[in-house]
Amino acid sequence: MFVQMVSETTGLGKELIRNMGANSEIAPDSGTTSGSRQTLITGEAVRMAAAELNVA
């Protein structure tokens, strides 16, 4: 889902985007999550970060 969001926001092909797995040792605790909530909250963060990329 998140790779697709980055691809659509930046215009980059999905093959150019690498999705790293989660690492709970370096990620802050965000409390409990569920599928739809996680997609909404993290998805918006991903979309906003992708929108800030300077893709030439």
PDB file of N, CA and C in Angstrom:
ATOM      1  N   MET A   1       0.824  -1.186   0.000  1.00  0.00           N
ATOM      2  CA  MET A   1       0.000   0.000   0.000  1.00  0.00           C
ATOM      3  C   MET A   1       0.873   1.256   0.000  1.00  0.00           C
ATOM      4  N   PHE A   2       1.882   1.290   0.875  1.00  0.00           N
ATOM      5  CA  PHE A   2       2.685   2.502   1.013  1.00  0.00           C
ATOM      6  C   PHE A   2       3.574   2.742  -0.205  1.00  0.00           C
ATOM      7  N   VAL A   3       4.069   1.672  -0.821  1.00  0.00           N
ATOM      8  CA  VAL A   3       4.851   1.827  -2.053  1.00  0.00           C
ATOM      9  C   VAL A   3       3.977   2.433  -3.137  1.00  0.00           C
ATOM     10  N   GLN A   4       2.745   1.981  -3.236  1.00  0.00           N
ATOM     11  CA  GLN A   4       1.819   2.530  -4.215  1.00  0.00           C
ATOM     12  C   GLN A   4       1.559   4.008  -3.949  1.00  0.00           C
ATOM     13  N   MET A   5       1.413   4.370  -2.686  1.00  0.00           N
ATOM     14  CA  MET A   5       1.161   5.773  -2.346  1.00  0.00           C
ATOM     15  C   MET A   5       2.342   6.656  -2.733  1.00  0.00           C
ATOM     16  N   VAL A   6       3.561   6.190  -2.463  1.00  0.00           N
ATOM     17  CA  VAL A   6       4.759   6.949  -2.842  1.00  0.00           C
ATOM     18  C   VAL A   6       4.841   7.060  -4.359  1.00  0.00           C
ATOM     19  N   SER A   7       4.577   5.961  -5.046  1.00  0.00           N
ATOM     20  CA  SER A   7       4.624   5.957  -6.504  1.00  0.00           C
ATOM     21  C   SER A   7       3.642   6.956  -7.101  1.00  0.00           C
ATOM     22  N   GLU A   8       2.422   6.944  -6.621  1.00  0.00           N
ATOM     23  CA  GLU A   8       1.406   7.850  -7.159  1.00  0.00           C
ATOM     24  C   GLU A   8       1.690   9.306  -6.799  1.00  0.00           C
ATOM     25  N   THR A   9       2.237   9.548  -5.620  1.00  0.00           N
ATOM     26  CA  THR A   9       2.508  10.919  -5.188  1.00  0.00           C
ATOM     27  C   THR A   9       3.701  11.515  -5.914  1.00  0.00           C
ATOM     28  N   THR A  10       4.743  10.703  -6.140  1.00  0.00           N
ATOM     29  CA  THR A  10       5.973  11.215  -6.746  1.00  0.00           C
ATOM     30  C   THR A  10       6.025  11.034  -8.258  1.00  0.00           C
ATOM     31  N   GLY A  11       5.249  10.109  -8.772  1.00  0.00           N
ATOM     32  CA  GLY A  11       5.335   9.796 -10.199  1.00  0.00           C
ATOM     33  C   GLY A  11       6.422   8.792 -10.519  1.00  0.00           C
ATOM     34  N   LEU A  12       7.117   8.290  -9.496  1.00  0.00           N
ATOM     35  CA  LEU A  12       8.153   7.277  -9.706  1.00  0.00           C
ATOM     36  C   LEU A  12       7.505   5.914  -9.891  1.00  0.00           C
ATOM     37  N   GLY A  13       8.145   5.069 -10.691  1.00  0.00           N
ATOM     38  CA  GLY A  13       7.655   3.710 -10.857  1.00  0.00           C
ATOM     39  C   GLY A  13       7.868   2.905  -9.583  1.00  0.00           C
ATOM     40  N   LYS A  14       6.974   1.963  -9.326  1.00  0.00           N
ATOM     41  CA  LYS A  14       7.078   1.149  -8.116  1.00  0.00           C
ATOM     42  C   LYS A  14       8.396   0.390  -8.038  1.00  0.00           C
ATOM     43  N   GLU A  15       8.958   0.050  -9.192  1.00  0.00           N
ATOM     44  CA  GLU A  15      10.216  -0.699  -9.207  1.00  0.00           C
ATOM     45  C   GLU A  15      11.394   0.137  -8.695  1.00  0.00           C
ATOM     46  N   LEU A  16      11.226   1.440  -8.627  1.00  0.00           N
ATOM     47  CA  LEU A  16      12.288   2.331  -8.136  1.00  0.00           C
ATOM     48  C   LEU A  16      12.185   2.607  -6.636  1.00  0.00           C
ATOM     49  N   ILE A  17      11.147   2.096  -6.008  1.00  0.00           N
ATOM     50  CA  ILE A  17      10.909   2.369  -4.589  1.00  0.00           C
ATOM     51  C   ILE A  17      11.172   1.103  -3.788  1.00  0.00           C
ATOM     52  N   ARG A  18      12.010   1.237  -2.762  1.00  0.00           N
ATOM     53  CA  ARG A  18      12.328   0.087  -1.918  1.00  0.00           C
ATOM     54  C   ARG A  18      11.634   0.248  -0.572  1.00  0.00           C
ATOM     55  N   ASN A  19      10.912  -0.777  -0.182  1.00  0.00           N
ATOM     56  CA  ASN A  19      10.205  -0.775   1.089  1.00  0.00           C
ATOM     57  C   ASN A  19      11.027  -1.547   2.117  1.00  0.00           C
ATOM     58  N   MET A  20      11.471  -0.854   3.150  1.00  0.00           N
ATOM     59  CA  MET A  20      12.215  -1.513   4.216  1.00  0.00           C
ATOM     60  C   MET A  20      11.228  -2.062   5.238  1.00  0.00           C
ATOM     61  N   GLY A  21      11.539  -3.198   5.787  1.00  0.00           N
ATOM     62  CA  GLY A  21      10.693  -3.781   6.819  1.00  0.00           C
ATOM     63  C   GLY A  21      10.738  -2.959   8.094  1.00  0.00           C
ATOM     64  N   ALA A  22       9.764  -3.155   8.932  1.00  0.00           N
ATOM     65  CA  ALA A  22       9.704  -2.433  10.200  1.00  0.00           C
ATOM     66  C   ALA A  22      10.810  -2.904  11.137  1.00  0.00           C
ATOM     67  N   ASN A  23      11.293  -1.983  11.951  1.00  0.00           N
ATOM     68  CA  ASN A  23      12.300  -2.301  12.952  1.00  0.00           C
ATOM     69  C   ASN A  23      11.865  -1.649  14.256  1.00  0.00           C
ATOM     70  N   SER A  24      11.321  -2.439  15.146  1.00  0.00           N
ATOM     71  CA  SER A  24      10.782  -1.887  16.387  1.00  0.00           C
ATOM     72  C   SER A  24      11.860  -1.361  17.328  1.00  0.00           C
ATOM     73  N   GLU A  25      13.127  -1.679  17.057  1.00  0.00           N
ATOM     74  CA  GLU A  25      14.207  -1.161  17.897  1.00  0.00           C
ATOM     75  C   GLU A  25      14.467   0.320  17.639  1.00  0.00           C
ATOM     76  N   ILE A  26      14.177   0.799  16.432  1.00  0.00           N
ATOM     77  CA  ILE A  26      14.451   2.198  16.114  1.00  0.00           C
ATOM     78  C   ILE A  26      13.189   3.034  15.944  1.00  0.00           C
ATOM     79  N   ALA A  27      12.027   2.393  15.906  1.00  0.00           N
ATOM     80  CA  ALA A  27      10.767   3.115  15.723  1.00  0.00           C
ATOM     81  C   ALA A  27      10.171   3.474  17.081  1.00  0.00           C
ATOM     82  N   PRO A  28       9.670   4.686  17.215  1.00  0.00           N
ATOM     83  CA  PRO A  28       9.034   5.042  18.487  1.00  0.00           C
ATOM     84  C   PRO A  28       7.730   4.274  18.682  1.00  0.00           C
ATOM     85  N   ASP A  29       7.349   4.079  19.927  1.00  0.00           N
ATOM     86  CA  ASP A  29       6.097   3.398  20.254  1.00  0.00           C
ATOM     87  C   ASP A  29       4.927   4.303  19.881  1.00  0.00           C
ATOM     88  N   SER A  30       4.048   3.795  19.048  1.00  0.00           N
ATOM     89  CA  SER A  30       2.895   4.598  18.627  1.00  0.00           C
ATOM     90  C   SER A  30       1.599   4.082  19.223  1.00  0.00           C
ATOM     91  N   GLY A  31       1.698   3.198  20.187  1.00  0.00           N
ATOM     92  CA  GLY A  31       0.489   2.649  20.799  1.00  0.00           C
ATOM     93  C   GLY A  31      -0.076   1.523  19.950  1.00  0.00           C
ATOM     94  N   THR A  32      -1.265   1.097  20.293  1.00  0.00           N
ATOM     95  CA  THR A  32      -1.884  -0.006  19.569  1.00  0.00           C
ATOM     96  C   THR A  32      -2.363   0.466  18.192  1.00  0.00           C
ATOM     97  N   THR A  33      -2.363  -0.449  17.270  1.00  0.00           N
ATOM     98  CA  THR A  33      -2.821  -0.126  15.922  1.00  0.00           C
ATOM     99  C   THR A  33      -3.726  -1.238  15.407  1.00  0.00           C
ATOM    100  N   SER A  34      -4.474  -0.925  14.409  1.00  0.00           N
ATOM    101  CA  SER A  34      -5.251  -1.918  13.678  1.00  0.00           C
ATOM    102  C   SER A  34      -5.076  -1.596  12.202  1.00  0.00           C
ATOM    103  N   GLY A  35      -5.431  -2.510  11.346  1.00  0.00           N
ATOM    104  CA  GLY A  35      -5.170  -2.359   9.925  1.00  0.00           C
ATOM    105  C   GLY A  35      -5.639  -1.057   9.312  1.00  0.00           C
ATOM    106  N   SER A  36      -6.900  -0.716   9.478  1.00  0.00           N
ATOM    107  CA  SER A  36      -7.421   0.483   8.829  1.00  0.00           C
ATOM    108  C   SER A  36      -6.848   1.752   9.458  1.00  0.00           C
ATOM    109  N   ARG A  37      -6.666   1.754  10.771  1.00  0.00           N
ATOM    110  CA  ARG A  37      -6.081   2.931  11.431  1.00  0.00           C
ATOM    111  C   ARG A  37      -4.642   3.112  10.997  1.00  0.00           C
ATOM    112  N   GLN A  38      -3.901   2.022  10.918  1.00  0.00           N
ATOM    113  CA  GLN A  38      -2.497   2.099  10.516  1.00  0.00           C
ATOM    114  C   GLN A  38      -2.374   2.610   9.091  1.00  0.00           C
ATOM    115  N   THR A  39      -3.230   2.162   8.209  1.00  0.00           N
ATOM    116  CA  THR A  39      -3.201   2.644   6.829  1.00  0.00           C
ATOM    117  C   THR A  39      -3.483   4.142   6.775  1.00  0.00           C
ATOM    118  N   LEU A  40      -4.436   4.595   7.545  1.00  0.00           N
ATOM    119  CA  LEU A  40      -4.787   6.012   7.559  1.00  0.00           C
ATOM    120  C   LEU A  40      -3.652   6.868   8.133  1.00  0.00           C
ATOM    121  N   ILE A  41      -3.166   6.533   9.310  1.00  0.00           N
ATOM    122  CA  ILE A  41      -2.172   7.351   9.996  1.00  0.00           C
ATOM    123  C   ILE A  41      -0.821   7.287   9.286  1.00  0.00           C
ATOM    124  N   THR A  42      -0.313   6.083   9.072  1.00  0.00           N
ATOM    125  CA  THR A  42       0.994   5.946   8.421  1.00  0.00           C
ATOM    126  C   THR A  42       0.908   6.336   6.955  1.00  0.00           C
ATOM    127  N   GLY A  43      -0.189   6.019   6.316  1.00  0.00           N
ATOM    128  CA  GLY A  43      -0.357   6.373   4.911  1.00  0.00           C
ATOM    129  C   GLY A  43      -0.283   7.869   4.674  1.00  0.00           C
ATOM    130  N   GLU A  44      -0.900   8.637   5.551  1.00  0.00           N
ATOM    131  CA  GLU A  44      -0.849  10.092   5.395  1.00  0.00           C
ATOM    132  C   GLU A  44       0.566  10.609   5.640  1.00  0.00           C
ATOM    133  N   ALA A  45       1.277  10.023   6.598  1.00  0.00           N
ATOM    134  CA  ALA A  45       2.671  10.411   6.841  1.00  0.00           C
ATOM    135  C   ALA A  45       3.535  10.080   5.623  1.00  0.00           C
ATOM    136  N   VAL A  46       3.311   8.928   5.034  1.00  0.00           N
ATOM    137  CA  VAL A  46       4.050   8.528   3.830  1.00  0.00           C
ATOM    138  C   VAL A  46       3.740   9.477   2.679  1.00  0.00           C
ATOM    139  N   ARG A  47       2.469   9.790   2.493  1.00  0.00           N
ATOM    140  CA  ARG A  47       2.074  10.679   1.398  1.00  0.00           C
ATOM    141  C   ARG A  47       2.686  12.068   1.568  1.00  0.00           C
ATOM    142  N   MET A  48       2.670  12.580   2.787  1.00  0.00           N
ATOM    143  CA  MET A  48       3.227  13.910   3.037  1.00  0.00           C
ATOM    144  C   MET A  48       4.742  13.923   2.803  1.00  0.00           C
ATOM    145  N   ALA A  49       5.436  12.880   3.245  1.00  0.00           N
ATOM    146  CA  ALA A  49       6.879  12.805   3.035  1.00  0.00           C
ATOM    147  C   ALA A  49       7.184  12.681   1.544  1.00  0.00           C
ATOM    148  N   ALA A  50       6.418  11.869   0.829  1.00  0.00           N
ATOM    149  CA  ALA A  50       6.641  11.718  -0.607  1.00  0.00           C
ATOM    150  C   ALA A  50       6.407  13.026  -1.343  1.00  0.00           C
ATOM    151  N   ALA A  51       5.425  13.802  -0.887  1.00  0.00           N
ATOM    152  CA  ALA A  51       5.122  15.080  -1.536  1.00  0.00           C
ATOM    153  C   ALA A  51       6.275  16.072  -1.372  1.00  0.00           C
ATOM    154  N   GLU A  52       7.075  15.903  -0.316  1.00  0.00           N
ATOM    155  CA  GLU A  52       8.193  16.797  -0.080  1.00  0.00           C
ATOM    156  C   GLU A  52       9.462  16.420  -0.858  1.00  0.00           C
ATOM    157  N   LEU A  53       9.468  15.211  -1.439  1.00  0.00           N
ATOM    158  CA  LEU A  53      10.638  14.795  -2.204  1.00  0.00           C
ATOM    159  C   LEU A  53      10.813  15.681  -3.437  1.00  0.00           C
ATOM    160  N   ASN A  54      12.034  15.972  -3.751  1.00  0.00           N
ATOM    161  CA  ASN A  54      12.325  16.740  -4.957  1.00  0.00           C
ATOM    162  C   ASN A  54      12.723  15.749  -6.042  1.00  0.00           C
ATOM    163  N   VAL A  55      11.743  15.230  -6.763  1.00  0.00           N
ATOM    164  CA  VAL A  55      11.986  14.249  -7.808  1.00  0.00           C
ATOM    165  C   VAL A  55      12.238  14.986  -9.109  1.00  0.00           C
ATOM    166  N   ALA A  56      13.435  14.793  -9.642  1.00  0.00           N
ATOM    167  CA  ALA A  56      13.803  15.487 -10.877  1.00  0.00           C
ATOM    168  C   ALA A  56      13.406  14.698 -12.097  1.00  0.00           C
TER     169      ALA A  56
END
